[in-house]
Amino acid sequence: MKKFAILGLGSFGESIAKALTEKGAEVIAIDKEMQRVEDIQDYVSIAVKLDSTDENALKSQGIQDVDVAIVCIGEDFESNLLTSVILKQIGVPMVVTRATKAVEEKILNAVGIDRVVLPEREVADKLSYTLMHPNFKEIIYLGGELSIAEFDAPKTFHGKTLEQIHLRDKYGLNLITIHRHRSEDERAEKGPLKDVIMPGAQTSIQEGDTLIVVGKKDDLNKLLSKIS
């Protein structure tokens, strides 16, 4: 079981804490306001009121032993930044921090935070993709320029091999997985979908396939503009 610490229990932090708990994770939820701690305590493993900028207080709760710490202090960037740096210094292997502005993202990246998220921007990006590109399903930002995107294979890909499509040569994208519908005979026994992991050059794209690619956001935009 993975162990997570959520620091800052506003709407974003609370939502993440509940979502991780529902998926079977062990979650330590932290905030300096008692009301927020009380509101979340029935949903997580541990809920604690403390100042996340206090290194000794964090260590007293064993935060250095979690797998991932997620800092969600959106209303106070100084505390957000200081908490993130302390978490790295005490040895948390993965620190994810919320930013509310592009300048905050730059600062957090500059001090070595593992992943910086801007929830409002990501929601806006996903919505714009779905409105602009009917085939598009999902995008996940990996940090820097890299993203993982999921979209339905367009008609122009059907019946063609990866060698014929030239995803990497033309668009700089790597196809890592194909979600493929099983035949009617297979569905009852094995379920509706199967995954083709790391497909080869001679793998052909079928109607109904969903493609998962990794690459730069600009390259993804270039591809989606061609197939929409």
Protein backbone atom coordinates (compact mmCIF):
# COMPACT_ATOMS: atom_id res chain seq x y z
CA MET A 1 0.00 0.00 0.00
CA LYS A 2 1.38 3.39 -0.98
CA LYS A 3 1.52 6.06 1.68
CA PHE A 4 0.68 9.69 0.88
CA ALA A 5 0.76 12.94 2.81
CA ILE A 6 -1.59 15.75 1.80
CA LEU A 7 -0.53 19.15 3.16
CA GLY A 8 -3.23 21.79 2.84
CA LEU A 9 -6.88 20.75 2.97
CA GLY A 10 -8.67 23.29 0.83
CA SER A 11 -11.04 21.97 -1.82
CA PHE A 12 -8.16 20.68 -3.99
CA GLY A 13 -6.28 18.95 -1.16
CA GLU A 14 -9.46 17.49 0.32
CA SER A 15 -10.52 16.08 -3.06
CA ILE A 16 -7.13 14.43 -3.60
CA ALA A 17 -7.10 12.97 -0.09
CA LYS A 18 -10.53 11.39 -0.57
CA ALA A 19 -9.73 10.13 -4.07
CA LEU A 20 -6.49 8.45 -2.92
CA THR A 21 -8.24 6.85 0.05
CA GLU A 22 -10.97 5.48 -2.23
CA LYS A 23 -8.24 3.87 -4.34
CA GLY A 24 -6.81 2.06 -1.32
CA ALA A 25 -3.94 4.37 -0.35
CA GLU A 26 -2.91 5.23 3.19
CA VAL A 27 -3.32 9.00 3.56
CA ILE A 28 -2.04 11.43 6.20
CA ALA A 29 -3.95 14.71 5.91
CA ILE A 30 -2.43 17.88 7.39
CA ASP A 31 -3.66 21.45 7.80
CA LYS A 32 -3.11 24.25 10.29
CA GLU A 33 -6.88 24.84 10.61
CA MET A 34 -8.67 22.43 12.95
CA GLN A 35 -12.00 22.67 11.13
CA ARG A 36 -10.47 21.34 7.92
CA VAL A 37 -8.78 18.53 9.84
CA GLU A 38 -12.06 17.57 11.51
CA ASP A 39 -13.90 17.64 8.19
CA ILE A 40 -11.51 15.10 6.62
CA GLN A 41 -10.68 12.84 9.56
CA ASP A 42 -13.37 10.24 8.81
CA TYR A 43 -12.09 9.79 5.25
CA VAL A 44 -8.33 9.29 5.75
CA SER A 45 -5.95 7.16 7.82
CA ILE A 46 -4.65 10.08 9.92
CA ALA A 47 -5.69 13.75 10.08
CA VAL A 48 -3.43 16.15 11.97
CA LYS A 49 -3.45 19.86 12.78
CA LEU A 50 0.06 21.26 12.47
CA ASP A 51 2.15 23.92 10.77
CA SER A 52 3.63 22.28 7.67
CA THR A 53 6.54 24.76 7.69
CA ASP A 54 7.70 23.29 11.01
CA GLU A 55 10.26 20.59 10.14
CA ASN A 56 10.19 18.99 13.59
CA ALA A 57 6.40 18.80 13.57
CA LEU A 58 6.47 17.04 10.19
CA LYS A 59 9.07 14.56 11.40
CA SER A 60 7.02 13.84 14.51
CA GLN A 61 4.29 12.50 12.22
CA GLY A 62 6.72 10.41 10.17
CA ILE A 63 6.13 12.42 7.00
CA GLN A 64 9.67 11.63 5.83
CA ASP A 65 8.55 8.00 5.43
CA VAL A 66 5.70 8.57 2.97
CA ASP A 67 6.05 7.62 -0.69
CA VAL A 68 4.56 10.85 -2.01
CA ALA A 69 3.79 14.22 -0.43
CA ILE A 70 1.32 16.56 -2.15
CA VAL A 71 1.44 20.23 -1.13
CA CYS A 72 -1.85 22.04 -1.76
CA ILE A 73 -1.50 25.33 0.13
CA GLY A 74 -2.99 27.53 -2.56
CA GLU A 75 -3.66 30.66 -0.51
CA ASP A 76 -0.12 31.20 0.83
CA PHE A 77 2.68 30.64 -1.68
CA GLU A 78 5.44 31.32 0.85
CA SER A 79 4.18 28.46 3.03
CA ASN A 80 3.60 26.33 -0.04
CA LEU A 81 7.19 26.81 -1.19
CA LEU A 82 8.78 26.41 2.25
CA THR A 83 6.79 23.25 2.96
CA SER A 84 7.82 21.76 -0.38
CA VAL A 85 11.51 22.49 0.20
CA ILE A 86 11.42 21.05 3.73
CA LEU A 87 9.80 17.86 2.43
CA LYS A 88 12.62 17.39 -0.06
CA GLN A 89 15.23 18.12 2.62
CA ILE A 90 13.84 15.52 5.05
CA GLY A 91 13.94 12.85 2.35
CA VAL A 92 10.44 12.48 0.90
CA PRO A 93 11.16 10.72 -2.42
CA MET A 94 8.38 12.38 -4.44
CA VAL A 95 7.02 15.87 -3.77
CA VAL A 96 4.14 17.19 -5.86
CA THR A 97 3.18 20.83 -5.35
CA ARG A 98 0.24 22.88 -6.51
CA ALA A 99 0.92 26.24 -8.15
CA THR A 100 -1.70 28.86 -8.91
CA LYS A 101 0.36 31.01 -11.30
CA ALA A 102 2.99 30.42 -13.96
CA VAL A 103 5.59 32.34 -11.92
CA GLU A 104 5.00 30.02 -8.97
CA GLU A 105 5.48 27.03 -11.26
CA LYS A 106 8.86 28.42 -12.38
CA ILE A 107 10.02 28.96 -8.80
CA LEU A 108 8.96 25.49 -7.67
CA ASN A 109 10.68 23.87 -10.63
CA ALA A 110 13.80 25.92 -9.93
CA VAL A 111 14.11 24.61 -6.36
CA GLY A 112 13.83 20.99 -7.51
CA ILE A 113 10.25 20.01 -6.73
CA ASP A 114 9.52 16.70 -8.50
CA ARG A 115 6.22 17.69 -10.08
CA VAL A 116 4.32 20.97 -10.19
CA VAL A 117 0.62 21.03 -11.06
CA LEU A 118 -1.64 23.93 -12.00
CA PRO A 119 -5.11 22.39 -11.61
CA GLU A 120 -7.04 25.27 -13.15
CA ARG A 121 -4.79 25.32 -16.23
CA GLU A 122 -4.95 21.55 -16.62
CA VAL A 123 -8.75 21.56 -16.42
CA ALA A 124 -8.91 24.36 -18.99
CA ASP A 125 -6.48 22.51 -21.26
CA LYS A 126 -8.44 19.26 -21.07
CA LEU A 127 -11.71 21.02 -21.78
CA SER A 128 -10.24 22.86 -24.75
CA TYR A 129 -8.85 19.60 -26.16
CA THR A 130 -12.22 17.86 -25.92
CA LEU A 131 -13.98 20.80 -27.56
CA MET A 132 -11.45 21.15 -30.38
CA HIS A 133 -10.70 17.47 -31.06
CA PRO A 134 -13.63 15.00 -31.04
CA ASN A 135 -11.26 12.01 -30.85
CA PHE A 136 -9.50 13.26 -27.71
CA LYS A 137 -10.12 11.58 -24.32
CA GLU A 138 -7.42 12.45 -21.77
CA ILE A 139 -4.10 14.20 -21.20
CA ILE A 140 -1.69 13.80 -18.27
CA TYR A 141 1.15 16.24 -17.74
CA LEU A 142 4.42 14.59 -16.72
CA GLY A 143 6.36 17.77 -16.04
CA GLY A 144 8.37 19.93 -18.38
CA GLU A 145 7.08 19.60 -21.93
CA LEU A 146 6.12 15.91 -21.77
CA SER A 147 2.54 14.64 -21.73
CA ILE A 148 0.69 11.37 -22.06
CA ALA A 149 -2.44 11.61 -24.21
CA GLU A 150 -5.27 9.21 -24.98
CA PHE A 151 -7.44 9.51 -28.08
CA ASP A 152 -9.55 7.36 -30.40
CA ALA A 153 -7.73 6.21 -33.51
CA PRO A 154 -8.90 8.36 -36.44
CA LYS A 155 -10.27 6.80 -39.62
CA THR A 156 -7.09 7.70 -41.49
CA PHE A 157 -5.18 5.27 -39.22
CA HIS A 158 -7.53 2.30 -39.59
CA GLY A 159 -5.92 -0.70 -41.27
CA LYS A 160 -2.46 0.86 -41.31
CA THR A 161 0.64 -0.31 -39.45
CA LEU A 162 2.66 1.95 -37.18
CA GLU A 163 5.40 1.86 -39.81
CA GLN A 164 2.96 3.35 -42.33
CA ILE A 165 1.61 5.98 -39.93
CA HIS A 166 5.07 7.30 -38.93
CA LEU A 167 3.94 8.68 -35.58
CA ARG A 168 7.49 9.14 -34.33
CA ASP A 169 9.03 10.44 -37.58
CA LYS A 170 6.23 12.86 -38.47
CA TYR A 171 5.06 13.99 -35.04
CA GLY A 172 7.73 13.02 -32.49
CA LEU A 173 5.24 10.88 -30.56
CA ASN A 174 5.71 7.36 -29.19
CA LEU A 175 2.74 4.99 -29.08
CA ILE A 176 3.01 3.07 -25.80
CA THR A 177 -0.35 1.27 -25.54
CA ILE A 178 -3.41 0.43 -27.62
CA HIS A 179 -6.73 -0.22 -25.89
CA ARG A 180 -8.50 -2.67 -28.17
CA HIS A 181 -12.01 -4.13 -28.08
CA ARG A 182 -12.17 -7.91 -27.89
CA SER A 183 -14.37 -10.04 -30.11
CA GLU A 184 -17.82 -11.02 -28.82
CA ASP A 185 -16.57 -14.52 -28.00
CA GLU A 186 -13.72 -13.13 -25.90
CA ARG A 187 -15.74 -10.53 -24.01
CA ALA A 188 -17.65 -12.94 -21.79
CA GLU A 189 -14.45 -14.65 -20.65
CA LYS A 190 -11.87 -11.85 -20.62
CA GLY A 191 -13.80 -8.56 -20.56
CA PRO A 192 -14.41 -5.96 -23.28
CA LEU A 193 -10.90 -4.53 -23.64
CA LYS A 194 -7.35 -5.77 -24.00
CA ASP A 195 -4.13 -3.77 -24.05
CA VAL A 196 -1.45 -4.00 -26.68
CA ILE A 197 1.63 -2.83 -24.76
CA MET A 198 4.53 -1.21 -26.66
CA PRO A 199 3.21 -2.17 -30.12
CA GLY A 200 5.77 -2.86 -32.84
CA ALA A 201 6.22 -1.36 -36.30
CA GLN A 202 4.02 -4.01 -37.92
CA THR A 203 1.14 -3.61 -35.47
CA SER A 204 -1.92 -2.41 -37.37
CA ILE A 205 -4.47 0.04 -36.03
CA GLN A 206 -8.06 -1.21 -35.98
CA GLU A 207 -11.35 0.63 -35.94
CA GLY A 208 -12.36 1.27 -32.33
CA ASP A 209 -8.79 1.33 -31.01
CA THR A 210 -7.82 3.91 -28.41
CA LEU A 211 -4.22 5.08 -28.65
CA ILE A 212 -2.05 6.20 -25.75
CA VAL A 213 0.99 8.23 -26.77
CA VAL A 214 3.77 10.07 -24.97
CA GLY A 215 5.53 13.16 -26.31
CA LYS A 216 5.73 16.92 -26.24
CA LYS A 217 2.52 18.93 -26.01
CA ASP A 218 3.33 20.87 -29.19
CA ASP A 219 3.80 17.61 -31.11
CA LEU A 220 0.49 16.30 -29.76
CA ASN A 221 -1.25 19.48 -30.92
CA LYS A 222 0.29 19.04 -34.36
CA LEU A 223 -1.09 15.50 -34.64
CA LEU A 224 -4.55 16.33 -33.32
CA SER A 225 -4.88 19.25 -35.74
CA LYS A 226 -4.21 16.85 -38.62
CA ILE A 227 -6.66 14.12 -37.61
CA SER A 228 -9.58 16.17 -36.29
